[in-house]
Amino acid sequence: MADPFQHDEIASAESAVSEATPGGGPADTDLSADAASAAKTERDALQDRLLRLAAEFDNYRKRVDRDRREQADAATAAALEDLLPIVDDLERALGASTDTDAAGYRKGVELIHRQMTDLLRKRGVTTIEAVGTDFDPHIHQAVMREVSETHRDGEVMAELRRGYRLGDRLLRPAVVKVAKRE
């Protein structure tokens, strides 16, 4: 025979389970609808926030790109403005009469060269000292090797074109002639 107390315990457990499960009773239906509505509202708010953050990030990226372009343009303009007086001097030298003596013409070209080297120095450009140093493929470009008894093997004998650096960055390697032993 079944225990009457056991039957009451089973009935109360079934009642608790039906109340705990969605759609279990009328009070639960209202609670579930409220929870679903709250979840939907929260989801919509998060989605709106995500879209706003994505738009803000896109605007930030565009602003940074525009600022970078403007900085690069300003730097280019400043460098070109520094070159304009040198171009003016070259035009004056080219427009000089042909009767001018060679010494005067040479002095003019030396002045222009000095202006250009001063401009490069002002901008942080330095020359690479090559002659008499050991060949370094990171800063030298060897175009010739020549047998020499007076130079060490691998020593730079002559600089055919000067090399330049901007800080630690190589702008152009020095084109050199390198000594070799027989």
Protein backbone atom coordinates (compact mmCIF):
# COMPACT_ATOMS: atom_id res chain seq x y z
CA MET A 1 0.00 0.00 0.00
CA ALA A 2 1.24 3.52 -0.81
CA ASP A 3 2.22 5.81 1.96
CA PRO A 4 -0.20 8.81 2.14
CA PHE A 5 2.59 11.13 3.22
CA GLN A 6 4.65 10.11 0.20
CA HIS A 7 1.75 11.08 -2.10
CA ASP A 8 1.59 14.60 -0.60
CA GLU A 9 5.36 15.03 -1.02
CA ILE A 10 5.17 14.00 -4.69
CA ALA A 11 2.27 16.40 -5.32
CA SER A 12 4.10 19.33 -3.73
CA ALA A 13 7.29 18.51 -5.72
CA GLU A 14 5.29 18.38 -8.97
CA SER A 15 3.72 21.72 -8.09
CA ALA A 16 7.14 23.28 -7.44
CA VAL A 17 8.49 21.93 -10.72
CA SER A 18 5.53 23.26 -12.71
CA GLU A 19 5.95 26.69 -11.14
CA ALA A 20 9.69 26.71 -11.86
CA THR A 21 9.37 25.75 -15.53
CA PRO A 22 8.30 28.34 -18.11
CA GLY A 23 4.64 28.26 -18.86
CA GLY A 24 4.06 26.36 -15.65
CA GLY A 25 1.30 28.62 -14.44
CA PRO A 26 -0.32 32.01 -14.94
CA ALA A 27 2.07 33.89 -12.63
CA ASP A 28 5.02 32.30 -14.40
CA THR A 29 3.77 33.44 -17.81
CA ASP A 30 3.79 37.07 -16.68
CA LEU A 31 7.25 36.65 -15.14
CA SER A 32 8.61 35.02 -18.33
CA ALA A 33 7.16 37.74 -20.54
CA ASP A 34 8.71 40.42 -18.33
CA ALA A 35 12.10 38.66 -18.41
CA ALA A 36 11.94 38.27 -22.19
CA SER A 37 10.96 41.92 -22.58
CA ALA A 38 13.82 43.00 -20.30
CA ALA A 39 16.29 40.80 -22.19
CA LYS A 40 15.12 42.23 -25.52
CA THR A 41 15.46 45.79 -24.21
CA GLU A 42 18.96 45.05 -22.91
CA ARG A 43 19.91 43.41 -26.22
CA ASP A 44 18.64 46.43 -28.18
CA ALA A 45 20.55 48.81 -25.89
CA LEU A 46 23.76 46.79 -26.28
CA GLN A 47 23.32 46.62 -30.05
CA ASP A 48 22.77 50.38 -30.19
CA ARG A 49 25.86 50.93 -28.04
CA LEU A 50 27.90 48.63 -30.27
CA LEU A 51 26.80 50.50 -33.41
CA ARG A 52 27.65 53.86 -31.80
CA LEU A 53 31.09 52.61 -30.72
CA ALA A 54 31.76 51.25 -34.21
CA ALA A 55 30.77 54.61 -35.72
CA GLU A 56 32.95 56.50 -33.21
CA PHE A 57 35.91 54.25 -33.97
CA ASP A 58 35.43 54.72 -37.72
CA ASN A 59 35.32 58.50 -37.26
CA TYR A 60 38.46 58.34 -35.07
CA ARG A 61 40.30 56.28 -37.71
CA LYS A 62 39.34 58.76 -40.44
CA ARG A 63 40.44 61.71 -38.28
CA VAL A 64 43.81 60.07 -37.54
CA ASP A 65 44.35 59.32 -41.24
CA ARG A 66 43.49 62.92 -42.14
CA ASP A 67 45.85 64.25 -39.43
CA ARG A 68 48.67 62.03 -40.70
CA ARG A 69 48.17 63.24 -44.26
CA GLU A 70 48.14 66.85 -43.09
CA GLN A 71 51.36 66.33 -41.08
CA ALA A 72 53.08 64.69 -44.05
CA ASP A 73 51.93 67.51 -46.33
CA ALA A 74 53.16 70.13 -43.85
CA ALA A 75 56.56 68.42 -43.55
CA THR A 76 56.87 68.19 -47.34
CA ALA A 77 55.87 71.84 -47.74
CA ALA A 78 58.44 72.94 -45.14
CA ALA A 79 61.22 70.99 -46.87
CA LEU A 80 60.27 72.36 -50.27
CA GLU A 81 60.13 75.93 -48.93
CA ASP A 82 63.71 75.46 -47.75
CA LEU A 83 64.72 74.34 -51.26
CA LEU A 84 63.20 77.30 -53.06
CA PRO A 85 66.04 79.80 -52.30
CA ILE A 86 68.52 77.25 -53.64
CA VAL A 87 66.48 76.85 -56.83
CA ASP A 88 66.43 80.67 -57.13
CA ASP A 89 70.22 80.80 -56.84
CA LEU A 90 70.60 78.04 -59.46
CA GLU A 91 68.33 79.97 -61.83
CA ARG A 92 70.40 83.12 -61.32
CA ALA A 93 73.59 81.14 -62.00
CA LEU A 94 72.13 79.68 -65.18
CA GLY A 95 70.94 83.11 -66.27
CA ALA A 96 74.36 84.70 -65.76
CA SER A 97 76.03 85.97 -68.88
CA THR A 98 78.51 83.69 -70.57
CA ASP A 99 81.19 86.40 -70.39
CA THR A 100 81.45 85.85 -66.63
CA ASP A 101 84.80 84.49 -65.56
CA ALA A 102 85.01 80.85 -64.50
CA ALA A 103 86.20 81.74 -60.99
CA GLY A 104 83.07 83.81 -60.30
CA TYR A 105 80.86 81.08 -61.67
CA ARG A 106 82.60 78.51 -59.49
CA LYS A 107 82.12 80.70 -56.40
CA GLY A 108 78.40 80.88 -57.16
CA VAL A 109 78.13 77.10 -57.48
CA GLU A 110 80.10 76.66 -54.24
CA LEU A 111 77.67 79.02 -52.50
CA ILE A 112 74.71 76.99 -53.76
CA HIS A 113 76.40 73.75 -52.67
CA ARG A 114 77.02 75.20 -49.20
CA GLN A 115 73.36 76.27 -48.95
CA MET A 116 72.25 72.77 -49.87
CA THR A 117 74.55 71.02 -47.39
CA ASP A 118 73.46 73.45 -44.65
CA LEU A 119 69.83 72.66 -45.44
CA LEU A 120 70.49 68.92 -45.26
CA ARG A 121 72.36 69.30 -41.97
CA LYS A 122 69.51 71.42 -40.57
CA ARG A 123 67.10 68.62 -41.49
CA GLY A 124 69.23 66.02 -39.67
CA VAL A 125 70.91 64.48 -42.71
CA THR A 126 74.50 63.30 -42.23
CA THR A 127 77.01 61.96 -44.72
CA ILE A 128 78.48 58.48 -44.52
CA GLU A 129 82.25 58.56 -44.23
CA ALA A 130 83.47 55.79 -46.48
CA VAL A 131 87.08 56.21 -47.65
CA GLY A 132 89.53 54.39 -45.40
CA THR A 133 86.82 52.40 -43.56
CA ASP A 134 86.09 48.71 -43.88
CA PHE A 135 83.41 47.83 -46.40
CA ASP A 136 80.01 47.47 -44.71
CA PRO A 137 77.21 46.16 -46.97
CA HIS A 138 74.63 47.90 -44.75
CA ILE A 139 75.89 51.38 -45.67
CA HIS A 140 78.10 50.82 -48.73
CA GLN A 141 77.34 49.62 -52.23
CA ALA A 142 80.46 48.18 -53.85
CA VAL A 143 80.55 48.62 -57.61
CA MET A 144 84.24 47.88 -58.10
CA ARG A 145 86.98 45.79 -56.51
CA GLU A 146 90.54 46.62 -57.31
CA VAL A 147 93.81 44.96 -56.38
CA SER A 148 95.85 47.22 -54.11
CA GLU A 149 99.07 46.72 -52.21
CA THR A 150 98.62 49.93 -50.20
CA HIS A 151 95.14 49.19 -48.82
CA ARG A 152 93.80 46.45 -46.53
CA ASP A 153 91.61 43.75 -48.00
CA GLY A 154 88.01 45.03 -47.83
CA GLU A 155 89.02 48.66 -47.25
CA VAL A 156 87.07 51.33 -49.13
CA MET A 157 89.56 52.94 -51.54
CA ALA A 158 87.33 55.53 -53.18
CA GLU A 159 83.86 56.98 -52.88
CA LEU A 160 82.11 57.25 -56.24
CA ARG A 161 78.87 58.67 -54.81
CA ARG A 162 78.31 59.96 -51.29
CA GLY A 163 75.91 58.15 -48.98
CA TYR A 164 73.49 59.80 -46.55
CA ARG A 165 71.63 59.00 -43.34
CA LEU A 166 68.70 60.65 -41.63
CA GLY A 167 69.28 59.85 -37.98
CA ASP A 168 69.74 56.08 -37.91
CA ARG A 169 67.85 55.57 -41.18
CA LEU A 170 69.87 55.01 -44.35
CA LEU A 171 68.72 57.38 -47.09
CA ARG A 172 71.23 56.25 -49.70
CA PRO A 173 74.25 53.93 -49.46
CA ALA A 174 77.67 55.22 -50.44
CA VAL A 175 78.77 53.83 -53.80
CA VAL A 176 82.37 52.73 -53.34
CA LYS A 177 85.42 51.03 -54.79
CA VAL A 178 86.83 48.34 -52.47
CA ALA A 179 90.42 47.08 -52.23
CA LYS A 180 91.35 43.44 -52.47
CA ARG A 181 94.58 41.54 -52.09
CA GLU A 182 95.78 39.35 -54.92
